[in-house]
Each structure stands twice: as C-alpha cells, then as structure tokens.
Amino acid sequence: MSGEIAEAFARARARGEGALVAYAMAGDPDLPGSVDVFAACVEGGADILEIGVAFSDPIADGPVIQGASERALKAGSTLKRVLDEVVPAVRARCPQTPLVVMTYVNVVMAMGEERYAKLARERGVSGTILPDLPPEESTGIRVAFDKEGLELIPLCAPTTSPTRAESIAKDARGFVYCVSVAGVTGMRSELPANLSERLELVRRLSPVPVVAGFGISNAEQARVVGAHADGVVVGSAIVRAAQADGPAAARQVCADIKRGLKR
C-alpha cells in the first residue's frame, strides 16, 4: 500500500485515531463556496476529502445529498469544472489532504475514462468512488486508473457475501468503503447490530484500510464503528450543517466526529 491515501491513514494511526473521510458536494452552494466547506472540514480534522460531483440521477444518495446535487447543478457544476476549478483550489488550501472524487460512472464515461484519469491526477485527485460500477464491469476503468496512479475505491454492500467481499477486497485500491446500511445515504439514529462483525470480516480480507459510511453522523456512532474499522465516512451531517450555517458548521461536525475516533 502506497500513495497519498495510505499516508493519510498512517498519520491517523500514528496519532491514535481512526481516519475521517469527510464528504461535501462540489458546487454547493457554488463552486468557490464549496472550496471553503472542504477547507473547513480539514480544519475540523478531516484526514481525507471526498469531493462529490453532482449527477442528475443519483442512486446512492439520500435527500440531503440529492438536494446538494441539485443546488450544485444549478450553480453550473460539471465534472470538468470541478477538476479545473474546485480540485486545484482545495489542493492549494489543503496540500497534505488526499482528495477522492465521488460520482457516478456515466459522468466519467461521458468524459472518457482515460481522459478523466489523466486530468484527475494532473489536478491532484488521489482516488475515485463510483458507487454504480459493478466489479465485474470495472476492468476498463481500473486499467485506465492504474495507468495514471488513480485509486479506484470499491464499495462493499451490507448484502455482499463473504466470497464476494473477498473478491472486492483483493482488487481494492486506496480503501474499501463498507456501506453501513441498506439504502441510501443519510443520518440514522441507529446502525445495524451486525455492522461490527461485518467490518471485522472485511478487514481480515482486505490489504487496504476499511472504512464505514452511510448513516454515521455523530461522535458516539463514530466511536462505536471506528473500533472495528480504520475510519468512517461522514457526508449528510456535514452537508446539512454547511447548508444551514456555512463552513464553520461543517468544521464543527468534523471536530465532533474526530473526537469520537480517538483511541
């Protein structure tokens, strides 16, 4: 395991912490404003930034992130503008923080997977999450990404069998994103009782770190989940706070979550 993402996990471990992957939507409330939100997340303790790219027909996003996507599209956000305007600005303000783009496979294919991979790495992106890309159909994109040194980060669903989880983990780059709950993103008051067992299973199978996301929104949930994973992903809580009260609120959410990840 090497590269910016691996180094971020290593730094968190050295501090005795789980890693925080903080998600926000590029272009929400507008392109420059979203840069402020991402920078605030790092100020609050985020170890890795997950940069959402708006898509008109998301399948994994709940109402909070769908709303952010709609606002971003109205503000003129596109994959090209995110790579040309948002990513370099975030990289300049947060030079040590790995940037991971989260979008849908149609968006990447419309640009061309080779062109996207080259441009993303040139702009400073470390990895990409494509939640609607089945592993069986990922070979072409994986080859294009590997050529440029761009990590293709897989998701592992709650319904994934141990055999399939092993196959996903074997080819993982960056980290494995374990989806905590069946359904879409969004804050939950409770997480599944068997989540810790599933996280431990994937960690045993994976050569790269394992994080959990979907539904995690407070320090206590981060503490419980972080005991069985290398980190957590938090998105809806950050997006909702930033929409209501701006970057400072996003910073506070990250700081609260980070306290729950201390070991």
C-alpha atoms as a PDB file:
ATOM      1  CA  MET A   1       0.000   0.000   0.000  1.00  0.00           C
ATOM      2  CA  SER A   2       1.472   3.345  -1.036  1.00  0.00           C
ATOM      3  CA  GLY A   3       0.424   6.819  -2.047  1.00  0.00           C
ATOM      4  CA  GLU A   4      -1.350   9.779  -0.510  1.00  0.00           C
ATOM      5  CA  ILE A   5      -4.339   7.845   0.795  1.00  0.00           C
ATOM      6  CA  ALA A   6      -2.173   5.259   2.542  1.00  0.00           C
ATOM      7  CA  GLU A   7      -0.114   8.032   4.113  1.00  0.00           C
ATOM      8  CA  ALA A   8      -3.245   9.713   5.476  1.00  0.00           C
ATOM      9  CA  PHE A   9      -4.340   6.504   7.201  1.00  0.00           C
ATOM     10  CA  ALA A  10      -0.826   6.003   8.549  1.00  0.00           C
ATOM     11  CA  ARG A  11      -0.767   9.525  10.009  1.00  0.00           C
ATOM     12  CA  ALA A  12      -4.119   8.951  11.706  1.00  0.00           C
ATOM     13  CA  ARG A  13      -2.942   5.652  13.175  1.00  0.00           C
ATOM     14  CA  ALA A  14       0.239   7.290  14.452  1.00  0.00           C
ATOM     15  CA  ARG A  15      -1.894   9.820  16.321  1.00  0.00           C
ATOM     16  CA  GLY A  16      -4.013   7.038  17.811  1.00  0.00           C
ATOM     17  CA  GLU A  17      -7.072   7.944  15.757  1.00  0.00           C
ATOM     18  CA  GLY A  18      -9.383   6.468  13.193  1.00  0.00           C
ATOM     19  CA  ALA A  19      -9.402   8.350   9.893  1.00  0.00           C
ATOM     20  CA  LEU A  20     -12.215  10.725   8.986  1.00  0.00           C
ATOM     21  CA  VAL A  21     -13.252  10.824   5.344  1.00  0.00           C
ATOM     22  CA  ALA A  22     -15.350  13.989   5.011  1.00  0.00           C
ATOM     23  CA  TYR A  23     -17.797  14.297   2.122  1.00  0.00           C
ATOM     24  CA  ALA A  24     -19.222  17.510   0.683  1.00  0.00           C
ATOM     25  CA  MET A  25     -20.661  18.439  -2.701  1.00  0.00           C
ATOM     26  CA  ALA A  26     -18.507  20.443  -5.105  1.00  0.00           C
ATOM     27  CA  GLY A  27     -20.543  23.435  -6.231  1.00  0.00           C
ATOM     28  CA  ASP A  28     -22.770  23.656  -3.150  1.00  0.00           C
ATOM     29  CA  PRO A  29     -23.659  26.478  -2.543  1.00  0.00           C
ATOM     30  CA  ASP A  30     -21.474  27.418  -5.522  1.00  0.00           C
ATOM     31  CA  LEU A  31     -18.033  26.428  -6.759  1.00  0.00           C
ATOM     32  CA  PRO A  32     -15.954  28.889  -4.664  1.00  0.00           C
ATOM     33  CA  GLY A  33     -18.217  28.402  -1.637  1.00  0.00           C
ATOM     34  CA  SER A  34     -17.721  24.651  -1.708  1.00  0.00           C
ATOM     35  CA  VAL A  35     -13.943  25.152  -1.549  1.00  0.00           C
ATOM     36  CA  ASP A  36     -14.480  26.946   1.756  1.00  0.00           C
ATOM     37  CA  VAL A  37     -16.523  23.991   3.043  1.00  0.00           C
ATOM     38  CA  PHE A  38     -13.827  21.473   2.113  1.00  0.00           C
ATOM     39  CA  ALA A  39     -11.112  23.578   3.739  1.00  0.00           C
ATOM     40  CA  ALA A  40     -13.235  23.903   6.879  1.00  0.00           C
ATOM     41  CA  CYS A  41     -13.594  20.118   7.057  1.00  0.00           C
ATOM     42  CA  VAL A  42      -9.806  19.759   7.097  1.00  0.00           C
ATOM     43  CA  GLU A  43      -9.567  22.445   9.779  1.00  0.00           C
ATOM     44  CA  GLY A  44     -12.013  20.334  11.786  1.00  0.00           C
ATOM     45  CA  GLY A  45      -9.808  17.262  11.496  1.00  0.00           C
ATOM     46  CA  ALA A  46     -10.744  15.503   8.240  1.00  0.00           C
ATOM     47  CA  ASP A  47      -7.960  13.215   7.024  1.00  0.00           C
ATOM     48  CA  ILE A  48      -9.328  12.637   3.513  1.00  0.00           C
ATOM     49  CA  LEU A  49     -11.782  14.742   1.499  1.00  0.00           C
ATOM     50  CA  GLU A  50     -14.466  13.080  -0.598  1.00  0.00           C
ATOM     51  CA  ILE A  51     -15.455  15.550  -3.295  1.00  0.00           C
ATOM     52  CA  GLY A  52     -18.942  14.906  -4.600  1.00  0.00           C
ATOM     53  CA  VAL A  53     -19.628  15.636  -8.263  1.00  0.00           C
ATOM     54  CA  ALA A  54     -23.285  16.329  -8.983  1.00  0.00           C
ATOM     55  CA  PHE A  55     -25.290  13.912 -11.114  1.00  0.00           C
ATOM     56  CA  SER A  56     -28.893  14.281 -12.216  1.00  0.00           C
ATOM     57  CA  ASP A  57     -29.918  10.692 -11.424  1.00  0.00           C
ATOM     58  CA  PRO A  58     -28.111   9.520  -8.274  1.00  0.00           C
ATOM     59  CA  ILE A  59     -28.944   6.070  -6.931  1.00  0.00           C
ATOM     60  CA  ALA A  60     -26.928   6.025  -3.704  1.00  0.00           C
ATOM     61  CA  ASP A  61     -27.762   9.471  -2.334  1.00  0.00           C
ATOM     62  CA  GLY A  62     -30.436  10.329   0.199  1.00  0.00           C
ATOM     63  CA  PRO A  63     -32.437  13.574   0.296  1.00  0.00           C
ATOM     64  CA  VAL A  64     -29.735  15.742   1.914  1.00  0.00           C
ATOM     65  CA  ILE A  65     -27.107  14.960  -0.709  1.00  0.00           C
ATOM     66  CA  GLN A  66     -29.671  14.921  -3.519  1.00  0.00           C
ATOM     67  CA  GLY A  67     -30.544  18.480  -2.521  1.00  0.00           C
ATOM     68  CA  ALA A  68     -26.863  19.431  -2.580  1.00  0.00           C
ATOM     69  CA  SER A  69     -26.531  17.882  -6.033  1.00  0.00           C
ATOM     70  CA  GLU A  70     -29.481  19.903  -7.327  1.00  0.00           C
ATOM     71  CA  ARG A  71     -28.017  23.115  -5.925  1.00  0.00           C
ATOM     72  CA  ALA A  72     -24.626  22.335  -7.442  1.00  0.00           C
ATOM     73  CA  LEU A  73     -26.100  21.645 -10.875  1.00  0.00           C
ATOM     74  CA  LYS A  74     -27.995  24.935 -10.751  1.00  0.00           C
ATOM     75  CA  ALA A  75     -24.724  26.656  -9.831  1.00  0.00           C
ATOM     76  CA  GLY A  76     -23.127  25.293 -13.009  1.00  0.00           C
ATOM     77  CA  SER A  77     -21.123  22.420 -11.535  1.00  0.00           C
ATOM     78  CA  THR A  78     -19.799  19.855 -14.010  1.00  0.00           C
ATOM     79  CA  LEU A  79     -17.076  17.237 -13.732  1.00  0.00           C
ATOM     80  CA  LYS A  80     -14.746  19.365 -15.882  1.00  0.00           C
ATOM     81  CA  ARG A  81     -15.334  22.479 -13.782  1.00  0.00           C
ATOM     82  CA  VAL A  82     -14.829  20.534 -10.571  1.00  0.00           C
ATOM     83  CA  LEU A  83     -11.491  19.235 -11.842  1.00  0.00           C
ATOM     84  CA  ASP A  84     -10.443  22.606 -13.275  1.00  0.00           C
ATOM     85  CA  GLU A  85     -11.679  24.907 -10.516  1.00  0.00           C
ATOM     86  CA  VAL A  86     -12.570  23.152  -7.276  1.00  0.00           C
ATOM     87  CA  VAL A  87      -9.899  20.462  -7.014  1.00  0.00           C
ATOM     88  CA  PRO A  88      -6.890  22.767  -7.607  1.00  0.00           C
ATOM     89  CA  ALA A  89      -8.280  25.330  -5.156  1.00  0.00           C
ATOM     90  CA  VAL A  90      -8.832  22.695  -2.467  1.00  0.00           C
ATOM     91  CA  ARG A  91      -5.402  21.200  -3.138  1.00  0.00           C
ATOM     92  CA  ALA A  92      -3.803  24.636  -2.720  1.00  0.00           C
ATOM     93  CA  ARG A  93      -5.514  25.178   0.633  1.00  0.00           C
ATOM     94  CA  CYS A  94      -5.141  21.583   1.890  1.00  0.00           C
ATOM     95  CA  PRO A  95      -1.888  20.333   0.305  1.00  0.00           C
ATOM     96  CA  GLN A  96      -1.435  17.326   2.604  1.00  0.00           C
ATOM     97  CA  THR A  97      -5.008  16.026   2.351  1.00  0.00           C
ATOM     98  CA  PRO A  98      -5.833  13.320  -0.217  1.00  0.00           C
ATOM     99  CA  LEU A  99      -8.761  14.179  -2.475  1.00  0.00           C
ATOM    100  CA  VAL A 100     -11.188  11.477  -3.574  1.00  0.00           C
ATOM    101  CA  VAL A 101     -13.835  12.213  -6.192  1.00  0.00           C
ATOM    102  CA  MET A 102     -17.228  10.563  -5.699  1.00  0.00           C
ATOM    103  CA  THR A 103     -19.529  10.491  -8.716  1.00  0.00           C
ATOM    104  CA  TYR A 104     -21.342   8.067 -10.994  1.00  0.00           C
ATOM    105  CA  VAL A 105     -19.903   6.014 -13.801  1.00  0.00           C
ATOM    106  CA  ASN A 106     -21.903   7.772 -16.546  1.00  0.00           C
ATOM    107  CA  VAL A 107     -20.229  11.067 -15.628  1.00  0.00           C
ATOM    108  CA  VAL A 108     -16.756   9.557 -16.012  1.00  0.00           C
ATOM    109  CA  MET A 109     -17.623   7.656 -19.178  1.00  0.00           C
ATOM    110  CA  ALA A 110     -19.064  10.817 -20.764  1.00  0.00           C
ATOM    111  CA  MET A 111     -15.655  12.441 -20.330  1.00  0.00           C
ATOM    112  CA  GLY A 112     -13.809   9.234 -21.200  1.00  0.00           C
ATOM    113  CA  GLU A 113     -12.199   7.120 -18.512  1.00  0.00           C
ATOM    114  CA  GLU A 114      -8.628   7.660 -19.799  1.00  0.00           C
ATOM    115  CA  ARG A 115      -9.108  11.406 -20.144  1.00  0.00           C
ATOM    116  CA  TYR A 116     -10.711  11.595 -16.717  1.00  0.00           C
ATOM    117  CA  ALA A 117      -7.952   9.587 -15.047  1.00  0.00           C
ATOM    118  CA  LYS A 118      -5.217  11.708 -16.600  1.00  0.00           C
ATOM    119  CA  LEU A 119      -6.904  15.022 -15.827  1.00  0.00           C
ATOM    120  CA  ALA A 120      -7.837  13.991 -12.284  1.00  0.00           C
ATOM    121  CA  ARG A 121      -4.267  13.029 -11.412  1.00  0.00           C
ATOM    122  CA  GLU A 122      -2.857  16.168 -13.033  1.00  0.00           C
ATOM    123  CA  ARG A 123      -5.195  18.259 -10.878  1.00  0.00           C
ATOM    124  CA  GLY A 124      -4.301  16.399  -7.666  1.00  0.00           C
ATOM    125  CA  VAL A 125      -7.007  13.747  -7.190  1.00  0.00           C
ATOM    126  CA  SER A 126      -5.828  10.601  -5.396  1.00  0.00           C
ATOM    127  CA  GLY A 127      -8.813   8.308  -5.923  1.00  0.00           C
ATOM    128  CA  THR A 128     -12.358   7.924  -7.199  1.00  0.00           C
ATOM    129  CA  ILE A 129     -15.515   6.236  -5.914  1.00  0.00           C
ATOM    130  CA  LEU A 130     -18.107   5.094  -8.464  1.00  0.00           C
ATOM    131  CA  PRO A 131     -20.962   3.532  -6.471  1.00  0.00           C
ATOM    132  CA  ASP A 132     -22.846   2.250  -9.526  1.00  0.00           C
ATOM    133  CA  LEU A 133     -19.864   0.475 -11.104  1.00  0.00           C
ATOM    134  CA  PRO A 134     -20.136  -3.311 -10.610  1.00  0.00           C
ATOM    135  CA  PRO A 135     -16.780  -5.027 -10.027  1.00  0.00           C
ATOM    136  CA  GLU A 136     -17.453  -7.314 -12.984  1.00  0.00           C
ATOM    137  CA  GLU A 137     -17.617  -4.280 -15.296  1.00  0.00           C
ATOM    138  CA  SER A 138     -14.720  -2.317 -13.828  1.00  0.00           C
ATOM    139  CA  THR A 139     -11.779  -3.743 -15.788  1.00  0.00           C
ATOM    140  CA  GLY A 140     -11.528  -0.981 -18.394  1.00  0.00           C
ATOM    141  CA  ILE A 141     -11.803   1.818 -15.871  1.00  0.00           C
ATOM    142  CA  ARG A 142      -9.403   0.066 -13.492  1.00  0.00           C
ATOM    143  CA  VAL A 143      -6.766  -0.247 -16.208  1.00  0.00           C
ATOM    144  CA  ALA A 144      -7.134   3.436 -17.120  1.00  0.00           C
ATOM    145  CA  PHE A 145      -6.933   4.469 -13.470  1.00  0.00           C
ATOM    146  CA  ASP A 146      -3.965   2.210 -12.684  1.00  0.00           C
ATOM    147  CA  LYS A 147      -2.063   3.679 -15.625  1.00  0.00           C
ATOM    148  CA  GLU A 148      -2.316   7.141 -14.090  1.00  0.00           C
ATOM    149  CA  GLY A 149      -1.915   6.064 -10.465  1.00  0.00           C
ATOM    150  CA  LEU A 150      -5.525   6.919  -9.617  1.00  0.00           C
ATOM    151  CA  GLU A 151      -7.056   4.657  -6.962  1.00  0.00           C
ATOM    152  CA  LEU A 152     -10.419   3.028  -7.807  1.00  0.00           C
ATOM    153  CA  ILE A 153     -12.063   2.677  -4.395  1.00  0.00           C
ATOM    154  CA  PRO A 154     -14.695  -0.077  -4.197  1.00  0.00           C
ATOM    155  CA  LEU A 155     -17.854  -0.281  -2.132  1.00  0.00           C
ATOM    156  CA  CYS A 156     -18.916  -3.332  -0.161  1.00  0.00           C
ATOM    157  CA  ALA A 157     -22.667  -3.522   0.495  1.00  0.00           C
ATOM    158  CA  PRO A 158     -24.427  -4.926   3.593  1.00  0.00           C
ATOM    159  CA  THR A 159     -25.728  -7.753   1.423  1.00  0.00           C
ATOM    160  CA  THR A 160     -22.311  -8.671  -0.011  1.00  0.00           C
ATOM    161  CA  SER A 161     -21.417 -12.318   0.636  1.00  0.00           C
ATOM    162  CA  PRO A 162     -18.063 -13.178   2.252  1.00  0.00           C
ATOM    163  CA  THR A 163     -16.873 -14.694  -1.030  1.00  0.00           C
ATOM    164  CA  ARG A 164     -17.740 -11.583  -2.974  1.00  0.00           C
ATOM    165  CA  ALA A 165     -16.300  -9.353  -0.259  1.00  0.00           C
ATOM    166  CA  GLU A 166     -13.011 -11.214  -0.583  1.00  0.00           C
ATOM    167  CA  SER A 167     -13.016 -10.654  -4.345  1.00  0.00           C
ATOM    168  CA  ILE A 168     -13.780  -6.930  -3.900  1.00  0.00           C
ATOM    169  CA  ALA A 169     -11.076  -6.514  -1.252  1.00  0.00           C
ATOM    170  CA  LYS A 170      -8.476  -8.346  -3.328  1.00  0.00           C
ATOM    171  CA  ASP A 171      -8.654  -5.754  -6.117  1.00  0.00           C
ATOM    172  CA  ALA A 172      -9.216  -2.719  -3.877  1.00  0.00           C
ATOM    173  CA  ARG A 173      -7.164   0.431  -4.161  1.00  0.00           C
ATOM    174  CA  GLY A 174      -6.962   3.172  -1.538  1.00  0.00           C
ATOM    175  CA  PHE A 175      -9.515   1.767   0.873  1.00  0.00           C
ATOM    176  CA  VAL A 176     -12.648  -0.356   0.948  1.00  0.00           C
ATOM    177  CA  TYR A 177     -15.830   1.622   1.573  1.00  0.00           C
ATOM    178  CA  CYS A 178     -18.194  -0.558   3.592  1.00  0.00           C
ATOM    179  CA  VAL A 179     -21.770   0.658   3.301  1.00  0.00           C
ATOM    180  CA  SER A 180     -23.222   0.567   6.812  1.00  0.00           C
ATOM    181  CA  VAL A 181     -26.910   0.241   5.959  1.00  0.00           C
ATOM    182  CA  ALA A 182     -29.091  -0.979   3.136  1.00  0.00           C
ATOM    183  CA  GLY A 183     -30.487   2.004   1.285  1.00  0.00           C
ATOM    184  CA  VAL A 184     -29.223   5.482   0.520  1.00  0.00           C
ATOM    185  CA  THR A 185     -27.018   7.975   2.321  1.00  0.00           C
ATOM    186  CA  GLY A 186     -28.447   9.874   5.265  1.00  0.00           C
ATOM    187  CA  MET A 187     -28.261  10.240   9.015  1.00  0.00           C
ATOM    188  CA  ARG A 188     -29.556   7.316  11.100  1.00  0.00           C
ATOM    189  CA  SER A 189     -30.380   7.144  14.787  1.00  0.00           C
ATOM    190  CA  GLU A 190     -29.290   3.501  14.884  1.00  0.00           C
ATOM    191  CA  LEU A 191     -26.871   1.390  12.893  1.00  0.00           C
ATOM    192  CA  PRO A 192     -27.205  -2.368  12.218  1.00  0.00           C
ATOM    193  CA  ALA A 193     -26.328  -4.668  15.119  1.00  0.00           C
ATOM    194  CA  ASN A 194     -24.148  -6.861  12.889  1.00  0.00           C
ATOM    195  CA  LEU A 195     -22.118  -3.974  11.433  1.00  0.00           C
ATOM    196  CA  SER A 196     -19.081  -4.557  13.660  1.00  0.00           C
ATOM    197  CA  GLU A 197     -18.937  -8.234  12.707  1.00  0.00           C
ATOM    198  CA  ARG A 198     -19.109  -7.393   9.003  1.00  0.00           C
ATOM    199  CA  LEU A 199     -16.417  -4.730   9.290  1.00  0.00           C
ATOM    200  CA  GLU A 200     -14.085  -7.142  11.065  1.00  0.00           C
ATOM    201  CA  LEU A 201     -14.655  -9.691   8.305  1.00  0.00           C
ATOM    202  CA  VAL A 202     -13.784  -7.246   5.532  1.00  0.00           C
ATOM    203  CA  ARG A 203     -10.747  -6.000   7.455  1.00  0.00           C
ATOM    204  CA  ARG A 204      -9.415  -9.553   7.666  1.00  0.00           C
ATOM    205  CA  LEU A 205      -9.825  -9.909   3.901  1.00  0.00           C
ATOM    206  CA  SER A 206      -8.570  -6.503   2.791  1.00  0.00           C
ATOM    207  CA  PRO A 207      -4.965  -5.486   2.088  1.00  0.00           C
ATOM    208  CA  VAL A 208      -6.019  -1.808   2.303  1.00  0.00           C
ATOM    209  CA  PRO A 209      -7.833   0.124   5.067  1.00  0.00           C
ATOM    210  CA  VAL A 210     -11.564  -0.354   5.579  1.00  0.00           C
ATOM    211  CA  VAL A 211     -13.949   2.493   6.347  1.00  0.00           C
ATOM    212  CA  ALA A 212     -17.671   2.565   7.052  1.00  0.00           C
ATOM    213  CA  GLY A 213     -20.113   5.116   5.708  1.00  0.00           C
ATOM    214  CA  PHE A 214     -23.843   5.829   5.248  1.00  0.00           C
ATOM    215  CA  GLY A 215     -25.703   6.765   8.422  1.00  0.00           C
ATOM    216  CA  ILE A 216     -22.800   7.899  10.630  1.00  0.00           C
ATOM    217  CA  SER A 217     -23.477  11.399  11.916  1.00  0.00           C
ATOM    218  CA  ASN A 218     -22.211  11.841  15.483  1.00  0.00           C
ATOM    219  CA  ALA A 219     -19.216  11.168  17.710  1.00  0.00           C
ATOM    220  CA  GLU A 220     -20.761   8.191  19.508  1.00  0.00           C
ATOM    221  CA  GLN A 221     -21.560   6.402  16.258  1.00  0.00           C
ATOM    222  CA  ALA A 222     -18.036   7.153  15.056  1.00  0.00           C
ATOM    223  CA  ARG A 223     -16.607   5.743  18.287  1.00  0.00           C
ATOM    224  CA  VAL A 224     -18.577   2.500  18.029  1.00  0.00           C
ATOM    225  CA  VAL A 225     -17.930   1.981  14.322  1.00  0.00           C
ATOM    226  CA  GLY A 226     -14.338   3.194  14.500  1.00  0.00           C
ATOM    227  CA  ALA A 227     -13.486   0.416  16.944  1.00  0.00           C
ATOM    228  CA  HIS A 228     -13.994  -2.086  14.102  1.00  0.00           C
ATOM    229  CA  ALA A 229     -12.777  -0.075  11.094  1.00  0.00           C
ATOM    230  CA  ASP A 230      -9.846   2.072  10.055  1.00  0.00           C
ATOM    231  CA  GLY A 231     -12.098   5.094   9.731  1.00  0.00           C
ATOM    232  CA  VAL A 232     -15.535   6.454   8.892  1.00  0.00           C
ATOM    233  CA  VAL A 233     -17.124   8.470   6.113  1.00  0.00           C
ATOM    234  CA  VAL A 234     -19.430  11.320   7.101  1.00  0.00           C
ATOM    235  CA  GLY A 235     -21.420  13.189   4.472  1.00  0.00           C
ATOM    236  CA  SER A 236     -25.042  14.112   5.115  1.00  0.00           C
ATOM    237  CA  ALA A 237     -24.328  15.630   8.542  1.00  0.00           C
ATOM    238  CA  ILE A 238     -21.625  17.842   7.011  1.00  0.00           C
ATOM    239  CA  VAL A 239     -23.735  18.855   4.009  1.00  0.00           C
ATOM    240  CA  ARG A 240     -26.752  19.692   6.170  1.00  0.00           C
ATOM    241  CA  ALA A 241     -24.673  21.735   8.619  1.00  0.00           C
ATOM    242  CA  ALA A 242     -22.909  23.648   5.857  1.00  0.00           C
ATOM    243  CA  GLN A 243     -26.175  24.473   4.120  1.00  0.00           C
ATOM    244  CA  ALA A 244     -27.700  25.762   7.342  1.00  0.00           C
ATOM    245  CA  ASP A 245     -24.769  27.621   8.887  1.00  0.00           C
ATOM    246  CA  GLY A 246     -21.871  27.683   6.453  1.00  0.00           C
ATOM    247  CA  PRO A 247     -18.310  26.335   6.587  1.00  0.00           C
ATOM    248  CA  ALA A 248     -17.888  26.889  10.337  1.00  0.00           C
ATOM    249  CA  ALA A 249     -20.709  24.427  10.996  1.00  0.00           C
ATOM    250  CA  ALA A 250     -19.063  21.836   8.743  1.00  0.00           C
ATOM    251  CA  ARG A 251     -15.825  22.345  10.683  1.00  0.00           C
ATOM    252  CA  GLN A 252     -17.639  21.688  13.958  1.00  0.00           C
ATOM    253  CA  VAL A 253     -19.241  18.481  12.698  1.00  0.00           C
ATOM    254  CA  CYS A 254     -15.817  17.169  11.667  1.00  0.00           C
ATOM    255  CA  ALA A 255     -14.281  18.148  15.001  1.00  0.00           C
ATOM    256  CA  ASP A 256     -17.057  16.339  16.887  1.00  0.00           C
ATOM    257  CA  ILE A 257     -16.711  13.202  14.765  1.00  0.00           C
ATOM    258  CA  LYS A 258     -12.948  13.267  15.112  1.00  0.00           C
ATOM    259  CA  ARG A 259     -13.235  13.251  18.890  1.00  0.00           C
ATOM    260  CA  GLY A 260     -15.202  10.026  18.592  1.00  0.00           C
ATOM    261  CA  LEU A 261     -12.390   8.470  16.553  1.00  0.00           C
ATOM    262  CA  LYS A 262      -9.692   8.903  19.194  1.00  0.00           C
ATOM    263  CA  ARG A 263      -8.491   5.553  20.504  1.00  0.00           C
END
